[in-house]
Amino acid sequence: MSQQKVAQQKAAQQKTKKVYDPELRREEIIKAAFLCLSEEGYAKLSARKVAARAEMALGHISYHFKDMNELLVEAYKYASHQLYEATRAGLVAEPRTSMAQLEVFLRSGFTSTFLDRSYLSVRIDLWSASLFQEDIADTERKLYAIYRERLVEILRRIAEEREVGAERIEKSADAIMAMLDGLWLDWQRRRNMKAIEHGISACLDLVAFYMPEPGR
């Protein structure tokens, strides 16, 4: 074979050779871990299962993540990011009153996507893992704070409009966040949509009580 043909073959191989972006590969591993968690749970998660789901060699897991805890943290961030983005999109599309935005915020976490058993299983499994793994617990606290701050921003606007004190913002935020966590857990156990509607309604009533409109 002539040198020219050899050179042409090498050039063709270079063109067809698949180039993997490290960040893209890392994202694929995180998504695979999320899927494994949703199907089998935290207790059965292994690097081998994640690698098989991502259709990658096992070595890619240890190359991109120092240990399985780091991968769990990233899977938790991925699950939470989905919820945050849905909430953000809902608020952007909702230009009406602050109370209307509060209702959008509350309902964003209870669409079919976030009430899906597999999605909630991941969140609940990672809550459980946070009881024993400090790095996961630290991530959970930070993600909780981000979500809570979005709620506080809405409550702050309501408080300003209704001229009520800042202490009622904190009181309302703590109660609502506890209610939301409880509703997700209750749905996973009983799958009662009426209970969710009652819970959302109770959150709105609570804000109306702590932050009444002027003259009421």
N, C-alpha and C. Protein backbone atom coordinates (compact mmCIF):
# COMPACT_ATOMS: atom_id res chain seq x y z
N MET A 1 0.86 -1.20 0.00
CA MET A 1 0.00 0.00 0.00
C MET A 1 0.89 1.24 0.00
N SER A 2 0.57 2.19 -0.82
CA SER A 2 1.39 3.40 -0.94
C SER A 2 1.28 4.24 0.32
N GLN A 3 2.30 5.07 0.54
CA GLN A 3 2.29 5.96 1.71
C GLN A 3 1.12 6.93 1.66
N GLN A 4 0.74 7.30 0.43
CA GLN A 4 -0.37 8.25 0.27
C GLN A 4 -1.68 7.63 0.76
N LYS A 5 -1.90 6.33 0.40
CA LYS A 5 -3.13 5.65 0.84
C LYS A 5 -3.15 5.46 2.36
N VAL A 6 -1.98 5.12 2.92
CA VAL A 6 -1.89 4.96 4.38
C VAL A 6 -2.24 6.27 5.08
N ALA A 7 -1.72 7.36 4.54
CA ALA A 7 -2.00 8.68 5.12
C ALA A 7 -3.48 9.02 5.01
N GLN A 8 -4.09 8.64 3.89
CA GLN A 8 -5.52 8.92 3.69
C GLN A 8 -6.37 8.12 4.68
N GLN A 9 -5.98 6.85 4.91
CA GLN A 9 -6.72 6.02 5.85
C GLN A 9 -6.63 6.57 7.27
N LYS A 10 -5.44 7.01 7.65
CA LYS A 10 -5.26 7.59 8.99
C LYS A 10 -6.09 8.85 9.15
N ALA A 11 -6.12 9.64 8.09
CA ALA A 11 -6.91 10.88 8.13
C ALA A 11 -8.39 10.57 8.28
N ALA A 12 -8.85 9.52 7.57
CA ALA A 12 -10.26 9.13 7.65
C ALA A 12 -10.60 8.61 9.05
N GLN A 13 -9.67 7.85 9.64
CA GLN A 13 -9.89 7.33 10.98
C GLN A 13 -9.98 8.46 12.00
N GLN A 14 -9.15 9.48 11.81
CA GLN A 14 -9.18 10.63 12.72
C GLN A 14 -10.52 11.35 12.65
N LYS A 15 -11.08 11.43 11.43
CA LYS A 15 -12.36 12.11 11.24
C LYS A 15 -13.51 11.36 11.90
N THR A 16 -13.45 10.02 11.83
CA THR A 16 -14.55 9.21 12.36
C THR A 16 -14.38 8.88 13.83
N LYS A 17 -13.21 9.13 14.37
CA LYS A 17 -12.96 8.82 15.78
C LYS A 17 -13.82 9.71 16.68
N LYS A 18 -14.52 9.10 17.60
CA LYS A 18 -15.42 9.85 18.48
C LYS A 18 -14.61 10.52 19.58
N VAL A 19 -14.80 11.82 19.72
CA VAL A 19 -14.10 12.58 20.74
C VAL A 19 -15.07 12.85 21.88
N TYR A 20 -14.68 12.48 23.09
CA TYR A 20 -15.55 12.65 24.24
C TYR A 20 -15.15 13.89 25.03
N ASP A 21 -16.11 14.74 25.27
CA ASP A 21 -15.88 15.91 26.11
C ASP A 21 -15.95 15.46 27.57
N PRO A 22 -14.92 15.77 28.38
CA PRO A 22 -14.90 15.30 29.77
C PRO A 22 -16.13 15.73 30.57
N GLU A 23 -16.57 16.97 30.38
CA GLU A 23 -17.74 17.46 31.11
C GLU A 23 -19.02 16.74 30.69
N LEU A 24 -19.11 16.48 29.37
CA LEU A 24 -20.27 15.76 28.86
C LEU A 24 -20.30 14.34 29.41
N ARG A 25 -19.15 13.71 29.46
CA ARG A 25 -19.08 12.34 29.99
C ARG A 25 -19.44 12.33 31.48
N ARG A 26 -18.97 13.33 32.20
CA ARG A 26 -19.29 13.45 33.62
C ARG A 26 -20.81 13.58 33.81
N GLU A 27 -21.44 14.41 32.98
CA GLU A 27 -22.89 14.59 33.05
C GLU A 27 -23.62 13.28 32.76
N GLU A 28 -23.11 12.51 31.80
CA GLU A 28 -23.74 11.24 31.46
C GLU A 28 -23.67 10.26 32.64
N ILE A 29 -22.56 10.29 33.35
CA ILE A 29 -22.41 9.42 34.52
C ILE A 29 -23.39 9.83 35.62
N ILE A 30 -23.53 11.14 35.83
CA ILE A 30 -24.46 11.64 36.85
C ILE A 30 -25.89 11.23 36.52
N LYS A 31 -26.28 11.38 35.26
CA LYS A 31 -27.62 10.98 34.84
C LYS A 31 -27.83 9.48 35.01
N ALA A 32 -26.79 8.71 34.71
CA ALA A 32 -26.87 7.26 34.88
C ALA A 32 -27.04 6.89 36.35
N ALA A 33 -26.31 7.60 37.22
CA ALA A 33 -26.44 7.36 38.66
C ALA A 33 -27.85 7.69 39.14
N PHE A 34 -28.40 8.79 38.62
CA PHE A 34 -29.77 9.18 38.98
C PHE A 34 -30.76 8.09 38.57
N LEU A 35 -30.59 7.54 37.37
CA LEU A 35 -31.49 6.49 36.89
C LEU A 35 -31.34 5.22 37.73
N CYS A 36 -30.11 4.88 38.07
CA CYS A 36 -29.89 3.70 38.92
C CYS A 36 -30.54 3.88 40.29
N LEU A 37 -30.39 5.08 40.85
CA LEU A 37 -31.01 5.38 42.14
C LEU A 37 -32.53 5.27 42.06
N SER A 38 -33.09 5.77 40.96
CA SER A 38 -34.55 5.76 40.81
C SER A 38 -35.10 4.35 40.64
N GLU A 39 -34.27 3.45 40.11
CA GLU A 39 -34.74 2.08 39.85
C GLU A 39 -34.46 1.12 41.01
N GLU A 40 -33.30 1.29 41.67
CA GLU A 40 -32.90 0.31 42.67
C GLU A 40 -32.65 0.88 44.05
N GLY A 41 -32.54 2.19 44.15
CA GLY A 41 -32.33 2.81 45.45
C GLY A 41 -30.87 2.94 45.83
N TYR A 42 -30.66 3.71 46.88
CA TYR A 42 -29.32 4.04 47.36
C TYR A 42 -28.56 2.81 47.84
N ALA A 43 -29.24 1.91 48.53
CA ALA A 43 -28.57 0.76 49.13
C ALA A 43 -27.94 -0.17 48.10
N LYS A 44 -28.52 -0.23 46.90
CA LYS A 44 -28.02 -1.14 45.87
C LYS A 44 -27.14 -0.46 44.83
N LEU A 45 -26.90 0.82 45.01
CA LEU A 45 -26.10 1.55 44.03
C LEU A 45 -24.64 1.09 44.07
N SER A 46 -24.06 0.91 42.89
CA SER A 46 -22.64 0.56 42.81
C SER A 46 -22.04 1.21 41.58
N ALA A 47 -20.72 1.39 41.61
CA ALA A 47 -20.03 1.98 40.47
C ALA A 47 -20.21 1.11 39.23
N ARG A 48 -20.22 -0.19 39.42
CA ARG A 48 -20.37 -1.11 38.29
C ARG A 48 -21.73 -0.92 37.61
N LYS A 49 -22.78 -0.76 38.40
CA LYS A 49 -24.12 -0.57 37.83
C LYS A 49 -24.23 0.76 37.10
N VAL A 50 -23.62 1.79 37.68
CA VAL A 50 -23.65 3.11 37.03
C VAL A 50 -22.89 3.06 35.71
N ALA A 51 -21.74 2.41 35.71
CA ALA A 51 -20.94 2.31 34.49
C ALA A 51 -21.72 1.55 33.41
N ALA A 52 -22.38 0.48 33.80
CA ALA A 52 -23.17 -0.30 32.83
C ALA A 52 -24.31 0.54 32.27
N ARG A 53 -24.96 1.31 33.14
CA ARG A 53 -26.08 2.14 32.69
C ARG A 53 -25.60 3.24 31.75
N ALA A 54 -24.42 3.78 32.03
CA ALA A 54 -23.85 4.84 31.19
C ALA A 54 -23.16 4.29 29.95
N GLU A 55 -23.05 2.95 29.87
CA GLU A 55 -22.37 2.27 28.76
C GLU A 55 -20.93 2.75 28.65
N MET A 56 -20.25 2.72 29.80
CA MET A 56 -18.85 3.13 29.86
C MET A 56 -18.06 2.10 30.65
N ALA A 57 -16.76 2.14 30.48
CA ALA A 57 -15.89 1.27 31.27
C ALA A 57 -15.92 1.72 32.72
N LEU A 58 -15.74 0.78 33.63
CA LEU A 58 -15.80 1.07 35.06
C LEU A 58 -14.80 2.15 35.47
N GLY A 59 -13.67 2.18 34.80
CA GLY A 59 -12.62 3.14 35.14
C GLY A 59 -13.04 4.59 34.99
N HIS A 60 -14.03 4.85 34.14
CA HIS A 60 -14.48 6.23 33.96
C HIS A 60 -15.12 6.79 35.23
N ILE A 61 -15.72 5.92 36.03
CA ILE A 61 -16.36 6.39 37.27
C ILE A 61 -15.30 6.93 38.22
N SER A 62 -14.26 6.15 38.46
CA SER A 62 -13.21 6.57 39.39
C SER A 62 -12.37 7.71 38.82
N TYR A 63 -12.34 7.83 37.50
CA TYR A 63 -11.58 8.93 36.88
C TYR A 63 -12.29 10.26 37.11
N HIS A 64 -13.61 10.27 37.00
CA HIS A 64 -14.36 11.52 37.09
C HIS A 64 -14.84 11.85 38.50
N PHE A 65 -14.88 10.83 39.39
CA PHE A 65 -15.38 11.05 40.75
C PHE A 65 -14.44 10.37 41.74
N LYS A 66 -14.12 11.07 42.81
CA LYS A 66 -13.16 10.52 43.77
C LYS A 66 -13.71 9.30 44.50
N ASP A 67 -15.05 9.29 44.71
CA ASP A 67 -15.69 8.13 45.35
C ASP A 67 -17.19 8.17 45.05
N MET A 68 -17.91 7.18 45.53
CA MET A 68 -19.34 7.10 45.25
C MET A 68 -20.12 8.20 45.97
N ASN A 69 -19.59 8.67 47.10
CA ASN A 69 -20.27 9.76 47.80
C ASN A 69 -20.31 11.02 46.95
N GLU A 70 -19.21 11.30 46.27
CA GLU A 70 -19.19 12.47 45.40
C GLU A 70 -20.22 12.31 44.28
N LEU A 71 -20.32 11.11 43.75
CA LEU A 71 -21.31 10.86 42.69
C LEU A 71 -22.73 11.00 43.24
N LEU A 72 -22.96 10.54 44.46
CA LEU A 72 -24.28 10.70 45.08
C LEU A 72 -24.62 12.17 45.26
N VAL A 73 -23.64 12.96 45.68
CA VAL A 73 -23.85 14.40 45.84
C VAL A 73 -24.27 15.02 44.52
N GLU A 74 -23.59 14.65 43.45
CA GLU A 74 -23.91 15.21 42.14
C GLU A 74 -25.28 14.74 41.65
N ALA A 75 -25.64 13.51 41.97
CA ALA A 75 -26.97 13.01 41.59
C ALA A 75 -28.05 13.79 42.34
N TYR A 76 -27.79 14.12 43.59
CA TYR A 76 -28.73 14.92 44.38
C TYR A 76 -28.87 16.31 43.77
N LYS A 77 -27.74 16.90 43.39
CA LYS A 77 -27.78 18.22 42.75
C LYS A 77 -28.58 18.17 41.45
N TYR A 78 -28.39 17.09 40.71
CA TYR A 78 -29.11 16.93 39.44
C TYR A 78 -30.61 16.86 39.68
N ALA A 79 -31.02 16.06 40.66
CA ALA A 79 -32.45 15.93 40.97
C ALA A 79 -33.03 17.26 41.44
N SER A 80 -32.29 17.96 42.28
CA SER A 80 -32.76 19.24 42.81
C SER A 80 -32.81 20.30 41.72
N HIS A 81 -31.83 20.27 40.82
CA HIS A 81 -31.79 21.25 39.74
C HIS A 81 -33.04 21.16 38.87
N GLN A 82 -33.53 19.96 38.66
CA GLN A 82 -34.75 19.79 37.87
C GLN A 82 -35.92 20.52 38.52
N LEU A 83 -36.03 20.39 39.83
CA LEU A 83 -37.11 21.06 40.56
C LEU A 83 -36.93 22.57 40.52
N TYR A 84 -35.71 23.04 40.73
CA TYR A 84 -35.46 24.49 40.75
C TYR A 84 -35.77 25.11 39.40
N GLU A 85 -35.38 24.42 38.33
CA GLU A 85 -35.62 24.97 37.00
C GLU A 85 -37.12 25.02 36.69
N ALA A 86 -37.85 24.01 37.10
CA ALA A 86 -39.30 24.01 36.88
C ALA A 86 -39.96 25.15 37.65
N THR A 87 -39.50 25.38 38.87
CA THR A 87 -40.03 26.47 39.69
C THR A 87 -39.70 27.82 39.06
N ARG A 88 -38.46 27.97 38.64
CA ARG A 88 -38.03 29.23 38.02
C ARG A 88 -38.84 29.52 36.76
N ALA A 89 -39.02 28.50 35.93
CA ALA A 89 -39.77 28.68 34.68
C ALA A 89 -41.21 29.08 34.98
N GLY A 90 -41.80 28.48 35.99
CA GLY A 90 -43.17 28.81 36.36
C GLY A 90 -43.30 30.24 36.84
N LEU A 91 -42.32 30.71 37.61
CA LEU A 91 -42.37 32.07 38.14
C LEU A 91 -42.14 33.11 37.05
N VAL A 92 -41.27 32.79 36.11
CA VAL A 92 -41.02 33.71 34.99
C VAL A 92 -42.28 33.88 34.16
N ALA A 93 -43.03 32.80 34.02
CA ALA A 93 -44.25 32.84 33.20
C ALA A 93 -45.45 33.38 33.96
N GLU A 94 -45.26 33.71 35.23
CA GLU A 94 -46.38 34.14 36.08
C GLU A 94 -46.15 35.57 36.56
N PRO A 95 -46.59 36.59 35.78
CA PRO A 95 -46.29 37.98 36.13
C PRO A 95 -47.31 38.63 37.05
N ARG A 96 -48.27 37.87 37.56
CA ARG A 96 -49.37 38.48 38.30
C ARG A 96 -48.98 38.81 39.74
N THR A 97 -49.92 38.74 40.65
CA THR A 97 -49.69 39.17 42.03
C THR A 97 -48.68 38.27 42.74
N SER A 98 -48.16 38.78 43.84
CA SER A 98 -47.20 38.00 44.63
C SER A 98 -47.84 36.74 45.20
N MET A 99 -49.10 36.82 45.59
CA MET A 99 -49.79 35.63 46.09
C MET A 99 -49.97 34.59 44.99
N ALA A 100 -50.21 35.06 43.77
CA ALA A 100 -50.31 34.14 42.63
C ALA A 100 -48.97 33.47 42.38
N GLN A 101 -47.88 34.22 42.54
CA GLN A 101 -46.55 33.64 42.37
C GLN A 101 -46.26 32.62 43.46
N LEU A 102 -46.74 32.89 44.66
CA LEU A 102 -46.56 31.92 45.75
C LEU A 102 -47.25 30.61 45.41
N GLU A 103 -48.45 30.69 44.87
CA GLU A 103 -49.16 29.46 44.50
C GLU A 103 -48.43 28.72 43.39
N VAL A 104 -47.87 29.45 42.43
CA VAL A 104 -47.08 28.82 41.37
C VAL A 104 -45.87 28.10 41.97
N PHE A 105 -45.19 28.77 42.89
CA PHE A 105 -44.04 28.16 43.57
C PHE A 105 -44.44 26.85 44.25
N LEU A 106 -45.53 26.89 44.97
CA LEU A 106 -45.98 25.70 45.70
C LEU A 106 -46.35 24.56 44.75
N ARG A 107 -47.07 24.88 43.70
CA ARG A 107 -47.56 23.84 42.79
C ARG A 107 -46.46 23.28 41.88
N SER A 108 -45.41 24.04 41.67
CA SER A 108 -44.33 23.58 40.77
C SER A 108 -43.71 22.27 41.23
N GLY A 109 -43.69 22.06 42.52
CA GLY A 109 -43.08 20.83 43.04
C GLY A 109 -44.00 19.63 43.06
N PHE A 110 -45.24 19.81 42.58
CA PHE A 110 -46.21 18.72 42.65
C PHE A 110 -46.84 18.40 41.29
N THR A 111 -46.06 18.64 40.24
CA THR A 111 -46.49 18.21 38.91
C THR A 111 -46.20 16.71 38.78
N SER A 112 -46.67 16.12 37.70
CA SER A 112 -46.48 14.67 37.52
C SER A 112 -45.01 14.28 37.51
N THR A 113 -44.15 15.18 37.00
CA THR A 113 -42.71 14.89 36.96
C THR A 113 -42.16 14.67 38.36
N PHE A 114 -42.53 15.54 39.29
CA PHE A 114 -41.95 15.49 40.63
C PHE A 114 -42.73 14.62 41.60
N LEU A 115 -43.90 14.15 41.17
CA LEU A 115 -44.64 13.18 41.97
C LEU A 115 -44.40 11.76 41.48
N ASP A 116 -43.62 11.63 40.42
CA ASP A 116 -43.28 10.30 39.91
C ASP A 116 -42.54 9.52 41.00
N ARG A 117 -42.94 8.28 41.19
CA ARG A 117 -42.38 7.48 42.28
C ARG A 117 -40.86 7.37 42.20
N SER A 118 -40.33 7.21 40.99
CA SER A 118 -38.89 7.04 40.85
C SER A 118 -38.14 8.32 41.22
N TYR A 119 -38.68 9.48 40.82
CA TYR A 119 -38.03 10.75 41.16
C TYR A 119 -38.03 10.96 42.67
N LEU A 120 -39.18 10.76 43.30
CA LEU A 120 -39.26 10.96 44.74
C LEU A 120 -38.42 9.94 45.50
N SER A 121 -38.29 8.74 44.95
CA SER A 121 -37.45 7.73 45.60
C SER A 121 -36.02 8.20 45.69
N VAL A 122 -35.54 8.86 44.64
CA VAL A 122 -34.17 9.39 44.65
C VAL A 122 -34.03 10.44 45.73
N ARG A 123 -34.95 11.38 45.78
CA ARG A 123 -34.85 12.46 46.77
C ARG A 123 -34.91 11.90 48.20
N ILE A 124 -35.81 10.97 48.43
CA ILE A 124 -35.96 10.43 49.78
C ILE A 124 -34.75 9.57 50.15
N ASP A 125 -34.24 8.80 49.20
CA ASP A 125 -33.03 8.01 49.45
C ASP A 125 -31.86 8.91 49.82
N LEU A 126 -31.74 10.02 49.13
CA LEU A 126 -30.62 10.92 49.40
C LEU A 126 -30.82 11.68 50.71
N TRP A 127 -32.06 11.94 51.07
CA TRP A 127 -32.31 12.48 52.41
C TRP A 127 -31.80 11.48 53.46
N SER A 128 -32.11 10.21 53.24
CA SER A 128 -31.67 9.17 54.18
C SER A 128 -30.15 9.09 54.23
N ALA A 129 -29.52 9.15 53.07
CA ALA A 129 -28.05 9.08 53.02
C ALA A 129 -27.42 10.25 53.75
N SER A 130 -28.10 11.41 53.74
CA SER A 130 -27.54 12.60 54.39
C SER A 130 -27.47 12.44 55.91
N LEU A 131 -28.22 11.49 56.46
CA LEU A 131 -28.17 11.25 57.90
C LEU A 131 -26.84 10.62 58.32
N PHE A 132 -26.16 9.98 57.38
CA PHE A 132 -24.96 9.23 57.71
C PHE A 132 -23.71 9.72 56.98
N GLN A 133 -23.89 10.52 55.92
CA GLN A 133 -22.75 10.99 55.13
C GLN A 133 -22.71 12.52 55.19
N GLU A 134 -21.68 13.06 55.83
CA GLU A 134 -21.63 14.50 56.08
C GLU A 134 -21.55 15.31 54.80
N ASP A 135 -20.83 14.81 53.79
CA ASP A 135 -20.73 15.58 52.54
C ASP A 135 -22.08 15.65 51.84
N ILE A 136 -22.85 14.58 51.91
CA ILE A 136 -24.20 14.60 51.34
C ILE A 136 -25.10 15.50 52.17
N ALA A 137 -24.95 15.45 53.50
CA ALA A 137 -25.74 16.31 54.38
C ALA A 137 -25.44 17.78 54.11
N ASP A 138 -24.18 18.11 53.89
CA ASP A 138 -23.79 19.49 53.61
C ASP A 138 -24.42 19.97 52.30
N THR A 139 -24.40 19.11 51.30
CA THR A 139 -25.03 19.45 50.02
C THR A 139 -26.53 19.63 50.19
N GLU A 140 -27.16 18.74 50.96
CA GLU A 140 -28.61 18.84 51.19
C GLU A 140 -28.96 20.16 51.86
N ARG A 141 -28.16 20.59 52.83
CA ARG A 141 -28.42 21.85 53.51
C ARG A 141 -28.31 23.04 52.56
N LYS A 142 -27.31 23.00 51.70
CA LYS A 142 -27.11 24.10 50.75
C LYS A 142 -28.25 24.16 49.73
N LEU A 143 -28.67 23.00 49.23
CA LEU A 143 -29.76 22.97 48.25
C LEU A 143 -31.08 23.38 48.89
N TYR A 144 -31.28 22.96 50.12
CA TYR A 144 -32.48 23.37 50.87
C TYR A 144 -32.49 24.90 51.01
N ALA A 145 -31.33 25.48 51.33
CA ALA A 145 -31.24 26.93 51.52
C ALA A 145 -31.56 27.69 50.23
N ILE A 146 -31.12 27.15 49.10
CA ILE A 146 -31.40 27.79 47.80
C ILE A 146 -32.90 27.80 47.53
N TYR A 147 -33.53 26.65 47.73
CA TYR A 147 -34.97 26.53 47.48
C TYR A 147 -35.76 27.42 48.45
N ARG A 148 -35.34 27.42 49.70
CA ARG A 148 -36.01 28.25 50.71
C ARG A 148 -35.88 29.73 50.38
N GLU A 149 -34.72 30.13 49.89
CA GLU A 149 -34.51 31.54 49.57
C GLU A 149 -35.45 32.01 48.46
N ARG A 150 -35.73 31.14 47.52
CA ARG A 150 -36.70 31.51 46.47
C ARG A 150 -38.08 31.75 47.08
N LEU A 151 -38.43 30.91 48.03
CA LEU A 151 -39.70 31.10 48.73
C LEU A 151 -39.68 32.41 49.51
N VAL A 152 -38.59 32.67 50.21
CA VAL A 152 -38.47 33.89 51.03
C VAL A 152 -38.59 35.14 50.17
N GLU A 153 -38.03 35.10 48.97
CA GLU A 153 -38.12 36.26 48.07
C GLU A 153 -39.58 36.61 47.78
N ILE A 154 -40.39 35.59 47.54
CA ILE A 154 -41.82 35.82 47.27
C ILE A 154 -42.52 36.33 48.53
N LEU A 155 -42.22 35.70 49.67
CA LEU A 155 -42.83 36.11 50.93
C LEU A 155 -42.43 37.54 51.29
N ARG A 156 -41.21 37.90 50.97
CA ARG A 156 -40.74 39.26 51.26
C ARG A 156 -41.55 40.29 50.48
N ARG A 157 -41.85 39.97 49.23
CA ARG A 157 -42.66 40.90 48.43
C ARG A 157 -44.07 41.03 49.01
N ILE A 158 -44.63 39.89 49.43
CA ILE A 158 -45.96 39.93 50.04
C ILE A 158 -45.94 40.77 51.31
N ALA A 159 -44.90 40.58 52.13
CA ALA A 159 -44.79 41.32 53.38
C ALA A 159 -44.67 42.82 53.13
N GLU A 160 -43.89 43.19 52.11
CA GLU A 160 -43.73 44.61 51.79
C GLU A 160 -45.05 45.21 51.31
N GLU A 161 -45.76 44.46 50.48
CA GLU A 161 -47.05 44.94 49.96
C GLU A 161 -48.06 45.12 51.09
N ARG A 162 -47.97 44.25 52.10
CA ARG A 162 -48.97 44.25 53.17
C ARG A 162 -48.46 44.89 54.45
N GLU A 163 -47.20 45.38 54.38
CA GLU A 163 -46.61 46.13 55.48
C GLU A 163 -46.62 45.35 56.79
N VAL A 164 -46.06 44.15 56.73
CA VAL A 164 -45.94 43.33 57.95
C VAL A 164 -44.46 43.11 58.25
N GLY A 165 -44.16 42.72 59.48
CA GLY A 165 -42.79 42.58 59.92
C GLY A 165 -42.04 41.40 59.33
N ALA A 166 -40.70 41.52 59.32
CA ALA A 166 -39.85 40.50 58.72
C ALA A 166 -39.92 39.17 59.46
N GLU A 167 -40.22 39.22 60.77
CA GLU A 167 -40.27 37.97 61.54
C GLU A 167 -41.36 37.03 61.03
N ARG A 168 -42.37 37.59 60.40
CA ARG A 168 -43.45 36.75 59.87
C ARG A 168 -43.02 36.05 58.58
N ILE A 169 -42.05 36.63 57.90
CA ILE A 169 -41.50 35.98 56.70
C ILE A 169 -40.81 34.68 57.10
N GLU A 170 -39.95 34.75 58.11
CA GLU A 170 -39.21 33.57 58.55
C GLU A 170 -40.15 32.50 59.09
N LYS A 171 -41.12 32.94 59.86
CA LYS A 171 -42.08 31.99 60.44
C LYS A 171 -42.86 31.27 59.33
N SER A 172 -43.30 32.03 58.35
CA SER A 172 -44.06 31.44 57.24
C SER A 172 -43.19 30.51 56.41
N ALA A 173 -41.95 30.93 56.14
CA ALA A 173 -41.04 30.12 55.32
C ALA A 173 -40.76 28.77 55.97
N ASP A 174 -40.48 28.79 57.28
CA ASP A 174 -40.19 27.53 57.98
C ASP A 174 -41.39 26.59 57.94
N ALA A 175 -42.57 27.13 58.17
CA ALA A 175 -43.77 26.29 58.18
C ALA A 175 -44.06 25.72 56.79
N ILE A 176 -43.91 26.54 55.76
CA ILE A 176 -44.19 26.07 54.40
C ILE A 176 -43.19 25.02 53.95
N MET A 177 -41.91 25.23 54.24
CA MET A 177 -40.90 24.24 53.84
C MET A 177 -41.15 22.90 54.53
N ALA A 178 -41.54 22.95 55.80
CA ALA A 178 -41.85 21.70 56.50
C ALA A 178 -43.07 21.02 55.88
N MET A 179 -44.06 21.82 55.50
CA MET A 179 -45.26 21.27 54.86
C MET A 179 -44.91 20.61 53.53
N LEU A 180 -44.08 21.25 52.72
CA LEU A 180 -43.72 20.69 51.41
C LEU A 180 -43.00 19.35 51.57
N ASP A 181 -42.04 19.30 52.48
CA ASP A 181 -41.33 18.03 52.72
C ASP A 181 -42.32 16.95 53.14
N GLY A 182 -43.24 17.31 54.03
CA GLY A 182 -44.23 16.35 54.49
C GLY A 182 -45.16 15.87 53.39
N LEU A 183 -45.54 16.78 52.51
CA LEU A 183 -46.43 16.40 51.41
C LEU A 183 -45.76 15.43 50.44
N TRP A 184 -44.46 15.65 50.15
CA TRP A 184 -43.74 14.72 49.27
C TRP A 184 -43.66 13.33 49.90
N LEU A 185 -43.34 13.29 51.19
CA LEU A 185 -43.25 12.01 51.88
C LEU A 185 -44.62 11.32 51.94
N ASP A 186 -45.65 12.10 52.22
CA ASP A 186 -46.99 11.54 52.31
C ASP A 186 -47.46 11.00 50.96
N TRP A 187 -47.12 11.70 49.88
CA TRP A 187 -47.51 11.23 48.55
C TRP A 187 -46.84 9.90 48.23
N GLN A 188 -45.59 9.76 48.61
CA GLN A 188 -44.88 8.52 48.32
C GLN A 188 -45.53 7.34 49.06
N ARG A 189 -46.12 7.61 50.20
CA ARG A 189 -46.77 6.55 50.99
C ARG A 189 -48.21 6.30 50.55
N ARG A 190 -48.99 7.39 50.35
CA ARG A 190 -50.44 7.22 50.18
C ARG A 190 -50.97 7.64 48.81
N ARG A 191 -50.21 8.45 48.10
CA ARG A 191 -50.58 8.91 46.76
C ARG A 191 -51.99 9.51 46.75
N ASN A 192 -52.20 10.44 47.66
CA ASN A 192 -53.50 11.09 47.83
C ASN A 192 -53.41 12.52 47.33
N MET A 193 -53.94 12.77 46.13
CA MET A 193 -53.86 14.10 45.53
C MET A 193 -54.66 15.12 46.32
N LYS A 194 -55.73 14.68 46.94
CA LYS A 194 -56.54 15.61 47.74
C LYS A 194 -55.72 16.15 48.91
N ALA A 195 -54.87 15.30 49.50
CA ALA A 195 -54.03 15.74 50.61
C ALA A 195 -53.05 16.82 50.15
N ILE A 196 -52.54 16.67 48.93
CA ILE A 196 -51.64 17.70 48.40
C ILE A 196 -52.38 19.01 48.21
N GLU A 197 -53.58 18.94 47.64
CA GLU A 197 -54.38 20.16 47.46
C GLU A 197 -54.67 20.82 48.80
N HIS A 198 -54.99 20.01 49.80
CA HIS A 198 -55.24 20.56 51.13
C HIS A 198 -53.98 21.21 51.69
N GLY A 199 -52.84 20.57 51.47
CA GLY A 199 -51.58 21.11 51.97
C GLY A 199 -51.22 22.44 51.33
N ILE A 200 -51.38 22.52 50.01
CA ILE A 200 -51.09 23.78 49.30
C ILE A 200 -52.05 24.87 49.78
N SER A 201 -53.31 24.52 49.91
CA SER A 201 -54.31 25.47 50.40
C SER A 201 -53.97 25.96 51.80
N ALA A 202 -53.49 25.04 52.65
CA ALA A 202 -53.12 25.40 54.02
C ALA A 202 -51.94 26.37 54.03
N CYS A 203 -50.98 26.17 53.12
CA CYS A 203 -49.84 27.08 53.01
C CYS A 203 -50.30 28.49 52.64
N LEU A 204 -51.21 28.58 51.69
CA LEU A 204 -51.74 29.88 51.26
C LEU A 204 -52.53 30.53 52.40
N ASP A 205 -53.31 29.73 53.12
CA ASP A 205 -54.08 30.25 54.25
C ASP A 205 -53.15 30.75 55.35
N LEU A 206 -52.05 30.02 55.56
CA LEU A 206 -51.10 30.41 56.59
C LEU A 206 -50.50 31.78 56.29
N VAL A 207 -50.12 32.00 55.03
CA VAL A 207 -49.56 33.29 54.64
C VAL A 207 -50.60 34.39 54.78
N ALA A 208 -51.83 34.09 54.39
CA ALA A 208 -52.91 35.08 54.52
C ALA A 208 -53.14 35.43 55.99
N PHE A 209 -52.92 34.46 56.88
CA PHE A 209 -53.11 34.70 58.32
C PHE A 209 -51.96 35.52 58.89
N TYR A 210 -50.71 35.11 58.58
CA TYR A 210 -49.55 35.82 59.11
C TYR A 210 -49.33 37.18 58.44
N MET A 211 -49.76 37.29 57.19
CA MET A 211 -49.56 38.53 56.44
C MET A 211 -50.88 39.01 55.86
N PRO A 212 -51.80 39.42 56.70
CA PRO A 212 -53.12 39.83 56.21
C PRO A 212 -53.05 41.10 55.37
N GLU A 213 -53.97 41.19 54.43
CA GLU A 213 -54.06 42.42 53.64
C GLU A 213 -54.50 43.56 54.55
N PRO A 214 -54.05 44.79 54.26
CA PRO A 214 -54.44 45.94 55.07
C PRO A 214 -55.95 46.05 55.20
N GLY A 215 -56.41 46.27 56.42
CA GLY A 215 -57.84 46.42 56.64
C GLY A 215 -58.55 45.13 56.98
N ARG A 216 -57.79 44.00 56.98
CA ARG A 216 -58.43 42.71 57.31
C ARG A 216 -57.97 42.23 58.68
